[in-house]
């Protein structure tokens, strides 16, 4: 797939580490070259840049660029996922389901978009837009009026879509703007207000979207410099080198003894499994202290893992030592506050899965339907999805560290368990949240058997975080049914505010899910 994301700029900018992103010099006509492709060749309106802003670049792409997927961002504004620049692989996966990717909607502080525009610009220009739409595209008038009465806007004239959709929008937009330009009175406008066509296009974008058949998704828009993204890559590299260094003693042990199995003493937790596959969920404070969302997720986990085949085990601070041993150093440093609950959970997961095998699933997973036997026929199972915090590339879409099924005494989890124990023998704090993923990545690099198992065990989970997007939106049965059918597992964020009703008093998807019996 030929995917190109164009960065609209009128000044020199730092290099973007992802080559999918291409600088486009907008308003280049008559200006000194910046060394980038300009919007002043072929069919162009480059000279209109003072009024049209980045739209001169949009027009040039419409008329002169041929590709499958096209995107628009700015030299200081980018679409990101959990802090990371959207990369080509992610865009091309998402575009299959959502052909239109737009920046996350912004809420205006005024009563509606029309009033918001009037506080900053001249509403007579919006009125002129409406007049032109009424003449050229009267079917869009209800959408225009509705958009002006809402409080939501999409700023920046930024989006990612298929080129055929992009062309369709441009034909509509510029037909309207060119007519507005013929009639508009800009007498007395300063340099800022003269950018009127760009301002109008930001409001017209949602008007056009209302009448399009394609599915739409939103991604975060972030103010950033390209060097910020390069810093992330360098940070990941340095952290990985550090992690490999910290695991070197354990790696040497495993290389010296290829059949190494750590020694762990029997514990009473084994007796509670009754010969079934354990399904481990941890909530340190216990079930009574679970937030509402977590309680419902845990209920779904219990219901959807068959009691005939599996044994549900809720691990708490009170009962954890019935299942795992930890080391004296780990216990002491946890009691001293040097090891957090999250870091203790990583060690819990590693030891549980090495000792007993079975399922480890974070309490914030929503399981949509009964889990079939197919998963348990594998030696190892996980999901391939981008890490939820987006700070590193350790997993590289190869695993999800909070959902596993494995047979017991797997080398990966013995190595992980002993590496974490060894880490805390010499360290007083965790260098980074993603050391766990770094250790898994190091194991995959050093041991071919582990690498092969990881390659074979994963299921694609592109929509893992999709349910979270809809939680506070109005409940529609068709949408809920579609989401439940699309994925077996969804990861939710219990720290985010989920509401049972929206501002209009309508039931949200979250409200519906909580009301399910």
Protein backbone atom coordinates (compact mmCIF):
# COMPACT_ATOMS: atom_id res chain seq x y z
CA UNK A 1 0.00 0.00 0.00
CA UNK A 2 1.39 3.41 -0.98
CA UNK A 3 0.94 5.59 2.11
CA UNK A 4 2.21 9.16 2.35
CA UNK A 5 1.73 11.62 5.21
CA UNK A 6 2.55 15.22 4.32
CA UNK A 7 3.83 17.68 6.90
CA UNK A 8 2.69 21.19 5.99
CA UNK A 9 5.42 23.69 6.75
CA UNK A 10 6.58 27.17 5.81
CA UNK A 11 9.89 26.95 7.66
CA UNK A 12 12.82 24.59 8.09
CA UNK A 13 12.05 21.77 10.50
CA UNK A 14 13.91 18.95 12.20
CA UNK A 15 14.03 15.65 10.37
CA UNK A 16 11.20 13.24 11.10
CA UNK A 17 12.51 9.73 11.93
CA UNK A 18 9.64 8.03 10.05
CA UNK A 19 10.15 8.25 6.26
CA UNK A 20 6.38 7.94 5.70
CA UNK A 21 6.26 11.63 6.67
CA UNK A 22 7.22 14.05 3.89
CA UNK A 23 7.64 17.83 4.36
CA UNK A 24 5.62 19.97 1.95
CA UNK A 25 6.56 23.64 1.64
CA UNK A 26 3.22 25.49 1.51
CA UNK A 27 2.96 28.97 0.04
CA UNK A 28 6.25 28.39 -1.72
CA UNK A 29 5.44 30.58 -4.74
CA UNK A 30 7.92 33.47 -4.77
CA UNK A 31 9.64 32.29 -1.57
CA UNK A 32 13.18 31.09 -0.99
CA UNK A 33 13.41 27.31 -1.20
CA UNK A 34 13.66 25.24 1.97
CA UNK A 35 14.82 22.15 0.14
CA UNK A 36 11.41 20.48 0.40
CA UNK A 37 8.82 19.68 -2.24
CA UNK A 38 6.78 22.84 -2.81
CA UNK A 39 3.13 23.48 -3.59
CA UNK A 40 3.98 25.74 -6.55
CA UNK A 41 4.27 23.25 -9.41
CA UNK A 42 1.69 21.75 -11.73
CA UNK A 43 -1.89 22.73 -10.94
CA UNK A 44 -1.54 24.91 -7.83
CA UNK A 45 -2.87 27.86 -5.81
CA UNK A 46 0.37 28.49 -3.89
CA UNK A 47 0.04 32.27 -4.21
CA UNK A 48 -3.23 32.13 -2.22
CA UNK A 49 -1.44 30.91 0.91
CA UNK A 50 -2.01 34.10 2.98
CA UNK A 51 -5.76 33.38 2.88
CA UNK A 52 -5.76 29.60 2.46
CA UNK A 53 -2.92 28.63 4.85
CA UNK A 54 -2.16 24.90 4.64
CA UNK A 55 -5.01 24.49 2.14
CA UNK A 56 -2.67 25.50 -0.69
CA UNK A 57 -0.78 22.32 0.13
CA UNK A 58 -4.04 20.35 0.34
CA UNK A 59 -5.02 21.63 -3.11
CA UNK A 60 -1.62 20.72 -4.57
CA UNK A 61 -1.88 17.18 -3.18
CA UNK A 62 -5.37 16.82 -4.60
CA UNK A 63 -4.29 17.83 -8.07
CA UNK A 64 -0.75 16.45 -8.26
CA UNK A 65 -0.26 13.51 -5.89
CA UNK A 66 -1.09 9.87 -6.59
CA UNK A 67 -1.06 7.36 -3.72
CA UNK A 68 -3.36 4.94 -1.89
CA UNK A 69 -3.48 6.58 1.55
CA UNK A 70 -2.79 10.25 2.18
CA UNK A 71 -2.48 12.25 5.36
CA UNK A 72 -2.09 15.87 6.45
CA UNK A 73 -0.31 17.11 9.55
CA UNK A 74 1.68 20.25 10.47
CA UNK A 75 5.30 20.91 11.31
CA UNK A 76 4.23 21.38 14.92
CA UNK A 77 1.04 19.26 15.09
CA UNK A 78 0.94 15.48 14.62
CA UNK A 79 -1.46 12.59 15.11
CA UNK A 80 -0.13 10.25 17.78
CA UNK A 81 -1.11 7.03 19.51
CA UNK A 82 -0.28 6.97 23.21
CA UNK A 83 2.44 9.56 22.64
CA UNK A 84 3.99 7.99 19.53
CA UNK A 85 3.80 9.19 15.96
CA UNK A 86 1.35 7.07 13.98
CA UNK A 87 3.52 4.81 11.86
CA UNK A 88 2.76 3.35 8.45
CA UNK A 89 1.94 -0.15 9.71
CA UNK A 90 -0.55 1.18 12.25
CA UNK A 91 -2.19 3.55 9.77
CA UNK A 92 -2.59 0.85 7.14
CA UNK A 93 -4.17 -1.53 9.67
CA UNK A 94 -6.62 1.05 10.98
CA UNK A 95 -7.57 2.37 7.54
CA UNK A 96 -8.98 -1.06 6.64
CA UNK A 97 -11.72 -0.62 9.26
CA UNK A 98 -11.84 3.17 9.54
CA UNK A 99 -11.14 4.81 6.17
CA UNK A 100 -11.20 8.25 7.82
CA UNK A 101 -8.83 9.08 10.69
CA UNK A 102 -9.30 12.54 12.20
CA UNK A 103 -7.82 14.41 15.18
CA UNK A 104 -9.62 14.01 18.47
CA UNK A 105 -12.53 16.43 18.66
CA UNK A 106 -12.12 19.62 20.65
CA UNK A 107 -14.89 21.23 22.68
CA UNK A 108 -15.41 24.97 22.33
CA UNK A 109 -15.86 27.04 25.46
CA UNK A 110 -18.69 29.11 23.99
CA UNK A 111 -22.31 28.01 23.64
CA UNK A 112 -21.68 26.50 20.20
CA UNK A 113 -19.30 26.48 17.22
CA UNK A 114 -21.00 29.49 15.63
CA UNK A 115 -20.47 31.60 18.78
CA UNK A 116 -16.92 30.27 19.09
CA UNK A 117 -16.13 31.43 15.56
CA UNK A 118 -17.67 34.82 16.25
CA UNK A 119 -15.43 35.35 19.29
CA UNK A 120 -12.36 34.95 17.10
CA UNK A 121 -13.34 35.88 13.54
CA UNK A 122 -16.27 37.35 11.59
CA UNK A 123 -19.52 35.39 11.54
CA UNK A 124 -20.50 37.12 8.31
CA UNK A 125 -17.99 34.83 6.59
CA UNK A 126 -19.66 31.75 8.07
CA UNK A 127 -23.00 33.12 6.92
CA UNK A 128 -21.56 33.57 3.43
CA UNK A 129 -20.40 29.95 3.51
CA UNK A 130 -23.92 28.86 4.36
CA UNK A 131 -25.28 30.91 1.50
CA UNK A 132 -22.91 29.27 -0.98
CA UNK A 133 -23.64 25.79 0.36
CA UNK A 134 -27.35 26.47 -0.01
CA UNK A 135 -26.81 27.27 -3.68
CA UNK A 136 -24.31 24.59 -4.61
CA UNK A 137 -24.95 21.77 -2.13
CA UNK A 138 -28.35 22.32 -0.49
CA UNK A 139 -28.39 18.77 0.86
CA UNK A 140 -25.57 19.85 3.21
CA UNK A 141 -27.50 22.74 4.77
CA UNK A 142 -28.98 20.67 7.64
CA UNK A 143 -25.50 19.32 8.39
CA UNK A 144 -24.06 22.85 8.36
CA UNK A 145 -26.73 24.14 10.73
CA UNK A 146 -26.28 21.18 13.04
CA UNK A 147 -22.48 21.53 13.07
CA UNK A 148 -22.78 25.21 14.01
CA UNK A 149 -25.05 24.31 16.96
CA UNK A 150 -22.72 21.71 18.44
CA UNK A 151 -19.69 22.37 20.65
CA UNK A 152 -17.28 20.07 18.74
CA UNK A 153 -14.65 21.10 16.20
CA UNK A 154 -11.77 19.42 14.37
CA UNK A 155 -8.87 21.83 14.14
CA UNK A 156 -5.90 22.06 11.82
CA UNK A 157 -7.37 20.70 8.58
CA UNK A 158 -5.60 17.47 9.52
CA UNK A 159 -6.64 13.91 8.74
CA UNK A 160 -5.60 10.60 7.15
CA UNK A 161 -7.74 8.81 4.58
CA UNK A 162 -7.81 7.00 1.27
CA UNK A 163 -6.85 9.19 -1.67
CA UNK A 164 -10.23 8.72 -3.38
CA UNK A 165 -12.01 10.01 -0.26
CA UNK A 166 -9.52 12.87 0.02
CA UNK A 167 -10.21 13.85 -3.61
CA UNK A 168 -13.95 13.75 -3.05
CA UNK A 169 -13.63 16.12 -0.08
CA UNK A 170 -11.32 18.50 -1.92
CA UNK A 171 -13.69 18.78 -4.88
CA UNK A 172 -16.50 19.77 -2.49
CA UNK A 173 -14.41 22.06 -0.27
CA UNK A 174 -12.64 24.10 -2.94
CA UNK A 175 -15.79 24.49 -4.99
CA UNK A 176 -17.32 26.23 -1.99
CA UNK A 177 -14.25 28.22 -0.93
CA UNK A 178 -13.50 29.55 -4.41
CA UNK A 179 -17.06 30.89 -4.61
CA UNK A 180 -16.80 32.39 -1.13
CA UNK A 181 -13.54 34.04 -2.19
CA UNK A 182 -15.33 35.75 -5.08
CA UNK A 183 -17.93 37.30 -2.78
CA UNK A 184 -16.11 37.91 0.51
CA UNK A 185 -15.34 41.41 1.74
CA UNK A 186 -12.00 41.33 3.57
CA UNK A 187 -11.56 45.07 3.87
CA UNK A 188 -9.85 45.88 7.18
CA UNK A 189 -8.69 42.32 7.83
CA UNK A 190 -5.25 42.07 9.43
CA UNK A 191 -2.77 39.31 8.56
CA UNK A 192 -4.35 36.91 11.03
CA UNK A 193 -7.97 37.44 9.94
CA UNK A 194 -6.88 37.22 6.31
CA UNK A 195 -6.32 33.50 6.86
CA UNK A 196 -10.09 33.21 6.64
CA UNK A 197 -10.26 30.32 4.15
CA UNK A 198 -8.25 28.10 6.45
CA UNK A 199 -10.49 29.03 9.40
CA UNK A 200 -13.64 28.31 7.40
CA UNK A 201 -12.34 24.96 6.18
CA UNK A 202 -11.82 23.82 9.77
CA UNK A 203 -15.56 24.32 10.40
CA UNK A 204 -16.65 22.89 7.04
CA UNK A 205 -14.73 19.64 7.54
CA UNK A 206 -17.24 18.21 10.02
CA UNK A 207 -20.13 19.41 7.87
CA UNK A 208 -18.83 17.28 5.01
CA UNK A 209 -18.10 14.30 7.27
CA UNK A 210 -21.70 14.14 8.49
CA UNK A 211 -22.91 13.00 5.06
CA UNK A 212 -20.15 10.53 4.24
CA UNK A 213 -20.71 6.75 4.44
CA UNK A 214 -17.23 5.81 5.67
CA UNK A 215 -16.49 4.87 9.29
CA UNK A 216 -14.44 7.42 11.22
CA UNK A 217 -12.03 7.08 14.11
CA UNK A 218 -10.16 9.71 16.11
CA UNK A 219 -6.53 9.85 17.18
CA UNK A 220 -4.84 12.26 19.56
CA UNK A 221 -3.41 15.43 18.07
CA UNK A 222 -0.24 16.57 19.82
CA UNK A 223 1.87 19.69 19.60
CA UNK A 224 5.41 18.40 19.09
CA UNK A 225 8.70 18.85 17.32
CA UNK A 226 9.99 15.97 15.14
CA UNK A 227 13.01 15.71 17.44
CA UNK A 228 10.64 14.60 20.20
CA UNK A 229 9.90 11.41 18.28
CA UNK A 230 13.57 10.83 17.52
CA UNK A 231 14.31 11.14 21.23
CA UNK A 232 11.88 8.31 21.93
CA UNK A 233 13.72 6.01 19.55
CA UNK A 234 17.09 6.80 21.13
CA UNK A 235 15.65 6.38 24.61
CA UNK A 236 14.31 2.93 23.70
CA UNK A 237 17.68 1.88 22.32
CA UNK A 238 19.53 2.99 25.46
CA UNK A 239 17.01 1.37 27.77
CA UNK A 240 17.25 -1.91 25.85
CA UNK A 241 21.05 -1.92 26.11
CA UNK A 242 20.74 -1.32 29.85
CA UNK A 243 18.19 -4.13 30.24
CA UNK A 244 20.41 -6.61 28.39
CA UNK A 245 23.29 -5.66 30.67
CA UNK A 246 21.16 -6.25 33.78
CA UNK A 247 20.04 -9.69 32.55
CA UNK A 248 23.55 -10.81 31.58
CA UNK A 249 24.17 -12.93 34.75
CA UNK A 250 20.93 -14.89 34.22
CA UNK A 251 21.56 -15.20 30.49
CA UNK A 252 24.96 -16.73 31.23
CA UNK A 253 23.37 -19.28 33.55
CA UNK A 254 20.86 -20.31 30.90
CA UNK A 255 23.49 -20.52 28.17
CA UNK A 256 25.72 -22.67 30.39
CA UNK A 257 22.82 -24.98 31.25
CA UNK A 258 20.53 -25.24 28.24
CA UNK A 259 18.00 -27.31 30.16
CA UNK A 260 17.94 -25.00 33.19
CA UNK A 261 14.80 -25.00 35.31
CA UNK A 262 14.75 -22.72 38.32
CA UNK A 263 14.11 -24.43 41.65
CA UNK A 264 10.87 -23.34 43.32
CA UNK A 265 9.50 -25.01 46.43
CA UNK A 266 5.92 -26.40 46.48
CA UNK A 267 3.24 -24.08 47.85
CA UNK A 268 -0.38 -24.71 48.97
CA UNK A 269 -1.76 -22.83 45.94
CA UNK A 270 -1.11 -25.90 43.82
CA UNK A 271 -3.65 -27.88 45.86
CA UNK A 272 -6.39 -25.37 45.06
CA UNK A 273 -6.19 -25.91 41.30
CA UNK A 274 -7.78 -29.38 41.39
CA UNK A 275 -5.94 -30.40 38.24
CA UNK A 276 -7.52 -27.58 36.18
CA UNK A 277 -5.90 -24.80 34.16
CA UNK A 278 -5.52 -21.79 36.46
CA UNK A 279 -6.83 -18.39 35.34
CA UNK A 280 -4.88 -15.85 37.39
CA UNK A 281 -6.23 -12.35 37.96
CA UNK A 282 -4.59 -9.98 40.43
CA UNK A 283 -6.15 -7.14 42.36
CA UNK A 284 -3.94 -6.54 45.34
CA UNK A 285 -6.58 -4.90 47.52
CA UNK A 286 -9.14 -7.68 47.01
CA UNK A 287 -12.54 -7.88 45.33
CA UNK A 288 -14.31 -5.57 47.78
CA UNK A 289 -11.97 -2.71 46.85
CA UNK A 290 -12.34 -3.07 43.09
CA UNK A 291 -13.63 -0.07 41.12
CA UNK A 292 -16.96 -0.67 39.40
CA UNK A 293 -15.41 -1.20 35.96
CA UNK A 294 -12.83 -3.70 37.27
CA UNK A 295 -15.50 -5.61 39.15
CA UNK A 296 -17.51 -6.00 35.97
CA UNK A 297 -14.45 -7.05 33.96
CA UNK A 298 -13.53 -9.68 36.55
CA UNK A 299 -17.10 -10.96 36.47
CA UNK A 300 -16.83 -11.37 32.69
CA UNK A 301 -13.52 -13.20 33.05
CA UNK A 302 -15.05 -15.62 35.55
CA UNK A 303 -18.06 -16.28 33.31
CA UNK A 304 -16.20 -16.70 30.03
CA UNK A 305 -13.45 -19.09 31.12
CA UNK A 306 -15.16 -22.47 31.46
CA UNK A 307 -15.29 -23.79 35.03
CA UNK A 308 -15.10 -27.33 33.62
CA UNK A 309 -11.64 -26.69 32.22
CA UNK A 310 -10.24 -23.80 34.30
CA UNK A 311 -9.98 -22.66 37.91
CA UNK A 312 -10.36 -18.92 38.55
CA UNK A 313 -7.79 -17.59 41.02
CA UNK A 314 -7.97 -14.03 42.33
CA UNK A 315 -4.57 -13.12 43.72
CA UNK A 316 -4.49 -10.49 46.47
CA UNK A 317 -1.89 -9.16 48.87
CA UNK A 318 -3.44 -11.36 51.51
CA UNK A 319 -3.18 -14.67 49.65
CA UNK A 320 -0.30 -14.19 47.17
CA UNK A 321 2.30 -16.08 49.25
CA UNK A 322 0.12 -19.18 49.02
CA UNK A 323 0.91 -19.20 45.29
CA UNK A 324 4.37 -17.62 44.95
CA UNK A 325 7.48 -17.31 47.08
CA UNK A 326 9.19 -14.10 45.96
CA UNK A 327 12.65 -13.55 47.39
CA UNK A 328 13.43 -12.02 50.77
CA UNK A 329 14.92 -9.00 49.02
CA UNK A 330 11.77 -8.48 46.95
CA UNK A 331 9.55 -8.75 50.03
CA UNK A 332 11.73 -6.36 52.03
CA UNK A 333 11.93 -3.76 49.27
CA UNK A 334 8.18 -3.95 48.70
CA UNK A 335 7.57 -3.37 52.41
CA UNK A 336 10.01 -0.42 52.26
CA UNK A 337 8.03 1.11 49.39
CA UNK A 338 10.84 0.70 46.86
CA UNK A 339 8.87 -1.82 44.78
CA UNK A 340 5.44 -0.69 43.62
CA UNK A 341 2.30 -2.81 43.28
CA UNK A 342 2.75 -2.71 39.50
CA UNK A 343 6.34 -3.96 39.73
CA UNK A 344 5.30 -6.66 42.19
CA UNK A 345 2.61 -7.72 39.71
CA UNK A 346 5.27 -8.32 37.04
CA UNK A 347 7.14 -10.68 39.37
CA UNK A 348 3.89 -12.32 40.40
CA UNK A 349 2.97 -12.98 36.78
CA UNK A 350 6.39 -14.42 35.93
CA UNK A 351 6.45 -16.79 38.91
CA UNK A 352 2.82 -17.90 38.60
CA UNK A 353 3.20 -18.78 34.93
CA UNK A 354 6.50 -20.57 35.48
CA UNK A 355 5.22 -22.56 38.47
CA UNK A 356 1.75 -23.50 37.29
CA UNK A 357 1.32 -22.40 33.70
CA UNK A 358 -2.23 -21.30 32.87
CA UNK A 359 -3.72 -17.91 32.06
CA UNK A 360 -2.55 -14.54 33.32
CA UNK A 361 -5.00 -11.81 32.45
CA UNK A 362 -5.10 -8.24 33.76
CA UNK A 363 -8.23 -7.37 35.71
CA UNK A 364 -9.01 -4.60 33.22
CA UNK A 365 -9.63 -6.99 30.30
CA UNK A 366 -13.20 -7.23 29.04
CA UNK A 367 -13.90 -10.73 27.68
CA UNK A 368 -16.76 -10.60 25.19
CA UNK A 369 -17.67 -14.28 24.85
CA UNK A 370 -16.74 -17.77 26.11
CA UNK A 371 -13.07 -18.59 25.58
CA UNK A 372 -12.81 -21.65 23.37
CA UNK A 373 -10.51 -24.66 23.67
CA UNK A 374 -8.34 -23.52 20.76
CA UNK A 375 -6.25 -21.26 22.99
CA UNK A 376 -5.42 -24.12 25.37
CA UNK A 377 -4.21 -26.35 22.56
CA UNK A 378 -1.14 -24.13 22.18
CA UNK A 379 2.08 -24.22 24.14
CA UNK A 380 1.87 -20.45 24.55
CA UNK A 381 -0.65 -17.74 23.67
CA UNK A 382 -0.67 -13.95 23.74
CA UNK A 383 -1.95 -11.05 21.67
CA UNK A 384 0.10 -8.92 19.32
CA UNK A 385 -0.74 -5.31 19.95
CA UNK A 386 1.07 -2.05 20.48
CA UNK A 387 1.95 -1.49 24.12
CA UNK A 388 -0.73 0.58 25.86
CA UNK A 389 1.61 3.35 27.02
CA UNK A 390 3.42 3.74 23.73
CA UNK A 391 6.75 4.75 25.26
CA UNK A 392 8.95 1.98 23.84
CA UNK A 393 9.12 -0.46 20.97
CA UNK A 394 10.33 -3.47 22.99
CA UNK A 395 7.39 -5.70 22.11
CA UNK A 396 7.31 -4.47 18.49
CA UNK A 397 3.76 -5.79 18.23
CA UNK A 398 4.94 -9.29 19.22
CA UNK A 399 3.19 -9.79 22.56
CA UNK A 400 0.93 -8.19 25.15
CA UNK A 401 2.60 -8.53 28.53
CA UNK A 402 -0.64 -8.56 30.54
CA UNK A 403 -2.36 -11.48 28.80
CA UNK A 404 -0.74 -14.91 28.42
CA UNK A 405 -1.57 -18.58 28.35
CA UNK A 406 1.39 -20.95 28.74
CA UNK A 407 2.22 -24.48 29.80
CA UNK A 408 4.13 -24.58 33.08
CA UNK A 409 7.92 -24.33 33.40
CA UNK A 410 8.37 -22.44 30.16
CA UNK A 411 11.91 -21.16 29.72
CA UNK A 412 10.76 -17.61 28.96
CA UNK A 413 9.02 -17.22 32.30
CA UNK A 414 11.79 -18.89 34.28
CA UNK A 415 14.22 -16.44 32.69
CA UNK A 416 11.86 -13.54 33.35
CA UNK A 417 11.30 -14.56 36.97
CA UNK A 418 15.01 -14.95 37.77
CA UNK A 419 15.98 -11.79 35.87
CA UNK A 420 13.52 -9.70 37.91
CA UNK A 421 14.70 -11.26 41.15
CA UNK A 422 18.32 -10.56 40.21
CA UNK A 423 17.45 -6.99 39.19
CA UNK A 424 16.14 -6.18 42.65
CA UNK A 425 19.14 -7.72 44.38
CA UNK A 426 21.24 -4.79 43.11
CA UNK A 427 18.74 -1.99 42.37
CA UNK A 428 16.77 0.29 44.68
CA UNK A 429 14.23 1.40 42.07
CA UNK A 430 12.94 0.34 38.67
CA UNK A 431 14.72 2.31 35.95
CA UNK A 432 11.72 2.25 33.62
CA UNK A 433 8.18 0.89 33.49
CA UNK A 434 9.07 -1.21 30.45
CA UNK A 435 11.97 -3.19 31.88
CA UNK A 436 9.64 -6.23 31.85
CA UNK A 437 9.16 -5.98 28.08
CA UNK A 438 12.87 -5.32 27.68
CA UNK A 439 13.69 -8.61 29.43
CA UNK A 440 11.26 -10.50 27.20
CA UNK A 441 12.84 -8.87 24.13
CA UNK A 442 16.32 -9.79 25.38
CA UNK A 443 15.22 -13.41 25.91
CA UNK A 444 13.81 -13.56 22.38
CA UNK A 445 17.07 -12.22 20.98
CA UNK A 446 19.34 -14.54 22.95
CA UNK A 447 17.36 -17.80 22.82
CA UNK A 448 16.10 -19.03 19.46
CA UNK A 449 13.55 -21.35 21.07
CA UNK A 450 11.90 -18.47 22.91
CA UNK A 451 11.89 -16.36 19.76
CA UNK A 452 10.19 -19.13 17.80
CA UNK A 453 7.55 -19.65 20.50
CA UNK A 454 6.73 -15.94 20.52
CA UNK A 455 6.41 -15.92 16.74
CA UNK A 456 3.96 -18.83 16.79
CA UNK A 457 1.86 -17.97 19.82
CA UNK A 458 0.27 -14.63 19.07
CA UNK A 459 -3.13 -13.62 17.74
CA UNK A 460 -3.64 -10.28 16.03
CA UNK A 461 -5.39 -7.73 18.26
CA UNK A 462 -5.54 -4.50 16.29
CA UNK A 463 -8.80 -3.54 18.01
CA UNK A 464 -7.60 -4.29 21.56
CA UNK A 465 -8.26 -0.72 22.75
CA UNK A 466 -11.24 -0.02 20.51
CA UNK A 467 -13.96 -0.62 23.12
CA UNK A 468 -12.52 2.09 25.37
CA UNK A 469 -13.20 4.71 22.69
CA UNK A 470 -16.93 4.02 22.77
CA UNK A 471 -17.55 3.69 26.50
CA UNK A 472 -18.92 7.20 27.04
CA UNK A 473 -20.76 7.40 23.73
CA UNK A 474 -24.45 6.76 23.25
CA UNK A 475 -25.42 3.10 23.25
CA UNK A 476 -26.57 1.73 19.92
CA UNK A 477 -27.42 -2.01 19.78
CA UNK A 478 -25.83 -2.49 16.36
CA UNK A 479 -22.57 -0.87 17.45
CA UNK A 480 -22.43 -2.90 20.65
CA UNK A 481 -23.13 -6.10 18.74
CA UNK A 482 -20.39 -5.28 16.23
CA UNK A 483 -17.84 -4.59 18.96
CA UNK A 484 -18.70 -7.80 20.79
CA UNK A 485 -18.28 -9.78 17.57
CA UNK A 486 -15.02 -8.17 16.47
CA UNK A 487 -12.77 -9.24 19.32
CA UNK A 488 -12.61 -11.77 22.14
CA UNK A 489 -10.53 -9.46 24.33
CA UNK A 490 -10.63 -5.70 24.92
CA UNK A 491 -8.35 -3.75 27.23
CA UNK A 492 -10.04 -1.00 29.26
CA UNK A 493 -8.61 1.81 31.39
CA UNK A 494 -10.28 1.86 34.79
CA UNK A 495 -8.60 5.20 35.63
CA UNK A 496 -10.64 6.99 32.97
CA UNK A 497 -14.03 8.36 33.91
CA UNK A 498 -16.77 6.13 32.47
CA UNK A 499 -20.35 7.35 32.67
CA UNK A 500 -23.58 5.39 32.47
CA UNK A 501 -25.35 8.29 30.74
CA UNK A 502 -24.20 11.04 28.41
CA UNK A 503 -24.96 14.75 28.83
CA UNK A 504 -28.33 14.25 27.12
CA UNK A 505 -29.33 11.60 29.67
CA UNK A 506 -29.01 8.77 27.13
CA UNK A 507 -27.53 5.40 28.07
CA UNK A 508 -23.89 5.04 27.11
CA UNK A 509 -22.21 1.84 25.99
CA UNK A 510 -20.67 1.66 29.46
CA UNK A 511 -24.13 1.91 31.00
CA UNK A 512 -25.35 -0.89 28.76
CA UNK A 513 -22.41 -3.16 29.59
CA UNK A 514 -22.89 -2.68 33.32
CA UNK A 515 -26.60 -3.48 32.97
CA UNK A 516 -26.00 -6.79 31.19
CA UNK A 517 -27.04 -9.88 33.07
